[in-house]
Amino acid sequence: SDGVEHLVGIATSGDDLVVTVDGTASSRPVTELESVSVIGGDRDDSLVIDSAPLPIFYDGRGGFDLLTIGGVHGSVLASAVDGTSGTLLVDGVAITYAGLEPIVLSGTTDVTIDGSAGDDAIVVSQSGSTITVATTTGSIESHIFSIPSGSLTIRGLDGNDSVTVTSSLSLGGATLTIEAETISVQAGTTISAGAVTL
């Protein structure tokens, strides 16, 4: 609640975890740590995680807060609690978040986006090489990411869920799997992928 926007970065350097807050870096051996918590203020805060060798918790609190998963990763599994909180498993390591707005992913082979326990109206769109998975019900956080190289899976899970593809999707050789009670593709749109399972 200091009235200042903050930029926090988490990365690794050798055997150390490096945390940078507004340009000032500090490091600790990863073996001395069990987890990292980042608590935002009342303005627009941003957390950029290039590598996550241990669990991370991020509470954006007030403002328009952003989580970016940088670097190159084999898999990301996004599980929603509600429209502003949930968990990302990045190569099997948990990043738990609350009080966020969008989540930005980069450089991932396999991306899986899971809905919440309620009724989700999920919308999928693509602009250039960027895909957005969001909801009209506000029940999961918006995820923005580059085209994965291996697979994209979207699962409604519990509740009465719908997934609507609102623009043409061009995933190259990546496969696309969508699981929901209702799946719609808007008229005039096309889906191009290594394989498609609806």
Protein backbone atom coordinates (compact mmCIF):
# COMPACT_ATOMS: atom_id res chain seq x y z
CA SER A 1 0.00 0.00 0.00
CA ASP A 2 2.89 2.37 -0.77
CA GLY A 3 1.21 3.91 -3.82
CA VAL A 4 4.06 2.79 -6.13
CA GLU A 5 4.09 0.34 -9.02
CA HIS A 6 6.63 -2.47 -8.66
CA LEU A 7 8.45 -4.76 -11.10
CA VAL A 8 9.76 -8.00 -9.60
CA GLY A 9 11.85 -10.58 -11.43
CA ILE A 10 12.76 -14.13 -10.40
CA ALA A 11 15.50 -16.06 -12.18
CA THR A 12 18.37 -18.42 -11.49
CA SER A 13 22.09 -17.92 -11.87
CA GLY A 14 24.10 -21.06 -11.33
CA ASP A 15 22.96 -22.50 -7.99
CA ASP A 16 21.44 -19.21 -6.83
CA LEU A 17 17.94 -17.79 -7.00
CA VAL A 18 18.04 -14.13 -8.02
CA VAL A 19 15.16 -11.83 -7.05
CA THR A 20 15.16 -8.34 -8.55
CA VAL A 21 12.83 -5.67 -7.15
CA ASP A 22 12.63 -2.41 -9.11
CA GLY A 23 16.15 -2.92 -10.47
CA THR A 24 17.82 -4.02 -7.24
CA ALA A 25 18.90 -7.68 -7.25
CA SER A 26 19.58 -10.03 -4.36
CA SER A 27 20.48 -13.71 -4.44
CA ARG A 28 20.41 -16.77 -2.21
CA PRO A 29 21.43 -20.38 -2.81
CA VAL A 30 18.38 -22.34 -3.94
CA THR A 31 19.24 -25.06 -1.41
CA GLU A 32 18.61 -22.58 1.43
CA LEU A 33 15.06 -21.83 0.28
CA GLU A 34 11.79 -23.75 0.37
CA SER A 35 9.53 -21.23 -1.41
CA VAL A 36 9.21 -17.58 -2.41
CA SER A 37 6.26 -15.23 -1.73
CA VAL A 38 5.71 -11.97 -3.60
CA ILE A 39 3.06 -9.59 -2.23
CA GLY A 40 2.03 -6.66 -4.40
CA GLY A 41 0.88 -3.23 -3.34
CA ASP A 42 -2.12 -1.09 -4.25
CA ARG A 43 -0.88 -0.10 -7.72
CA ASP A 44 -0.09 -1.98 -10.95
CA ASP A 45 2.57 -4.57 -10.11
CA SER A 46 4.31 -7.06 -12.39
CA LEU A 47 6.11 -10.32 -11.63
CA VAL A 48 8.34 -11.88 -14.30
CA ILE A 49 9.49 -15.46 -13.64
CA ASP A 50 12.17 -16.72 -15.99
CA SER A 51 12.84 -19.90 -14.03
CA ALA A 52 11.10 -21.46 -11.03
CA PRO A 53 13.17 -24.12 -9.24
CA LEU A 54 10.91 -23.94 -6.17
CA PRO A 55 7.27 -23.03 -5.37
CA ILE A 56 6.30 -19.37 -5.75
CA PHE A 57 3.26 -17.53 -4.38
CA TYR A 58 2.20 -14.21 -5.91
CA ASP A 59 -0.58 -12.02 -4.52
CA GLY A 60 -1.09 -8.97 -6.70
CA ARG A 61 -3.46 -7.29 -4.22
CA GLY A 62 -4.77 -3.97 -5.58
CA GLY A 63 -4.24 -2.51 -9.03
CA PHE A 64 -3.88 -4.19 -12.43
CA ASP A 65 -1.29 -6.89 -11.74
CA LEU A 66 0.51 -9.03 -14.30
CA LEU A 67 2.26 -12.39 -14.12
CA THR A 68 4.68 -13.27 -16.92
CA ILE A 69 6.30 -16.69 -17.27
CA GLY A 70 9.41 -16.07 -19.34
CA GLY A 71 12.12 -18.42 -20.45
CA VAL A 72 11.68 -21.72 -22.28
CA HIS A 73 9.66 -24.50 -20.63
CA GLY A 74 8.51 -28.00 -21.48
CA SER A 75 5.02 -27.73 -20.02
CA VAL A 76 2.61 -25.35 -18.32
CA LEU A 77 -0.62 -26.56 -16.68
CA ALA A 78 -2.96 -23.74 -15.60
CA SER A 79 -5.66 -24.60 -13.03
CA ALA A 80 -8.18 -21.94 -12.04
CA VAL A 81 -9.81 -21.37 -8.68
CA ASP A 82 -11.70 -18.30 -9.92
CA GLY A 83 -11.21 -15.32 -12.20
CA THR A 84 -8.18 -13.94 -10.34
CA SER A 85 -6.58 -16.91 -8.58
CA GLY A 86 -5.25 -20.37 -9.33
CA THR A 87 -2.07 -22.35 -9.87
CA LEU A 88 0.39 -22.80 -12.71
CA LEU A 89 2.52 -25.90 -12.83
CA VAL A 90 5.60 -24.86 -14.79
CA ASP A 91 7.63 -27.96 -15.57
CA GLY A 92 5.97 -29.49 -12.49
CA VAL A 93 6.78 -26.61 -10.09
CA ALA A 94 3.79 -24.77 -8.58
CA ILE A 95 3.29 -21.04 -9.04
CA THR A 96 0.21 -20.07 -7.02
CA TYR A 97 -1.39 -16.69 -7.69
CA ALA A 98 -4.18 -14.46 -6.38
CA GLY A 99 -5.46 -10.99 -7.21
CA LEU A 100 -4.18 -10.99 -10.79
CA GLU A 101 -5.34 -9.83 -14.16
CA PRO A 102 -3.67 -11.39 -17.22
CA ILE A 103 -1.09 -14.19 -17.27
CA VAL A 104 1.47 -14.14 -20.09
CA LEU A 105 3.38 -17.29 -21.10
CA SER A 106 6.28 -17.65 -23.50
CA GLY A 107 8.34 -20.40 -25.04
CA THR A 108 6.35 -23.47 -23.92
CA THR A 109 6.14 -26.84 -25.65
CA ASP A 110 2.85 -28.05 -24.12
CA VAL A 111 0.17 -25.72 -22.70
CA THR A 112 -2.90 -26.97 -20.80
CA ILE A 113 -5.60 -24.56 -19.59
CA ASP A 114 -8.16 -25.98 -17.14
CA GLY A 115 -11.43 -24.31 -16.21
CA SER A 116 -12.79 -23.73 -12.74
CA ALA A 117 -15.14 -25.88 -10.68
CA GLY A 118 -18.08 -23.76 -11.88
CA ASP A 119 -19.69 -23.11 -15.26
CA ASP A 120 -17.07 -21.64 -17.58
CA ALA A 121 -17.72 -19.90 -20.90
CA ILE A 122 -14.24 -20.09 -22.38
CA VAL A 123 -13.27 -18.18 -25.52
CA VAL A 124 -10.19 -18.91 -27.63
CA SER A 125 -8.72 -16.49 -30.15
CA GLN A 126 -5.50 -15.90 -32.05
CA SER A 127 -3.83 -12.72 -33.29
CA GLY A 128 -0.64 -13.33 -35.24
CA SER A 129 1.42 -15.81 -33.23
CA THR A 130 -0.37 -14.98 -29.95
CA ILE A 131 -3.23 -17.06 -28.53
CA THR A 132 -5.61 -15.83 -25.83
CA VAL A 133 -7.74 -18.12 -23.67
CA ALA A 134 -10.23 -16.19 -21.53
CA THR A 135 -13.84 -16.38 -20.33
CA THR A 136 -16.96 -14.28 -20.71
CA THR A 137 -18.02 -15.48 -17.26
CA GLY A 138 -14.91 -14.16 -15.50
CA SER A 139 -14.38 -17.56 -13.91
CA ILE A 140 -10.74 -18.08 -14.98
CA GLU A 141 -7.84 -15.73 -15.51
CA SER A 142 -6.97 -14.69 -19.06
CA HIS A 143 -3.94 -16.51 -20.46
CA ILE A 144 -1.94 -15.00 -23.31
CA PHE A 145 0.80 -17.07 -24.92
CA SER A 146 2.80 -17.81 -28.04
CA ILE A 147 1.80 -20.80 -30.15
CA PRO A 148 3.10 -23.88 -28.30
CA SER A 149 5.37 -26.16 -30.28
CA GLY A 150 3.89 -29.43 -29.00
CA SER A 151 0.26 -29.19 -27.89
CA LEU A 152 -2.56 -26.96 -26.66
CA THR A 153 -5.21 -28.53 -24.43
CA ILE A 154 -8.26 -26.69 -23.07
CA ARG A 155 -10.46 -28.52 -20.56
CA GLY A 156 -13.64 -27.21 -18.98
CA LEU A 157 -13.55 -29.85 -16.22
CA ASP A 158 -16.34 -29.47 -13.62
CA GLY A 159 -19.56 -27.58 -14.23
CA ASN A 160 -21.47 -27.05 -17.46
CA ASP A 161 -18.74 -25.58 -19.64
CA SER A 162 -18.54 -24.16 -23.13
CA VAL A 163 -15.55 -23.40 -25.34
CA THR A 164 -15.97 -21.06 -28.30
CA VAL A 165 -13.27 -20.52 -30.92
CA THR A 166 -13.82 -16.91 -31.98
CA SER A 167 -11.07 -16.58 -34.60
CA SER A 168 -9.12 -18.83 -36.91
CA LEU A 169 -6.42 -20.87 -35.20
CA SER A 170 -3.16 -21.76 -36.91
CA LEU A 171 -1.04 -23.93 -34.62
CA GLY A 172 1.43 -25.32 -37.12
CA GLY A 173 2.42 -28.84 -36.08
CA ALA A 174 1.07 -28.50 -32.52
CA THR A 175 -1.98 -30.57 -31.61
CA LEU A 176 -5.21 -29.08 -30.27
CA THR A 177 -7.53 -30.81 -27.78
CA ILE A 178 -10.71 -29.20 -26.42
CA GLU A 179 -12.92 -30.87 -23.79
CA ALA A 180 -16.21 -29.27 -22.72
CA GLU A 181 -19.95 -29.92 -22.68
CA THR A 182 -20.41 -27.46 -25.57
CA ILE A 183 -17.79 -26.66 -28.22
CA SER A 184 -18.45 -24.03 -30.89
CA VAL A 185 -16.43 -22.67 -33.80
CA GLN A 186 -17.68 -19.34 -35.09
CA ALA A 187 -18.76 -19.24 -38.72
CA GLY A 188 -15.99 -18.38 -41.15
CA THR A 189 -13.17 -19.47 -38.85
CA THR A 190 -10.77 -22.35 -39.49
CA ILE A 191 -8.56 -24.51 -37.30
CA SER A 192 -5.19 -25.71 -38.55
CA ALA A 193 -3.11 -27.97 -36.31
CA GLY A 194 -1.07 -31.17 -36.30
CA ALA A 195 -4.20 -32.93 -35.02
CA VAL A 196 -7.52 -31.70 -33.64
CA THR A 197 -9.61 -33.48 -31.00
CA LEU A 198 -12.95 -31.93 -29.99
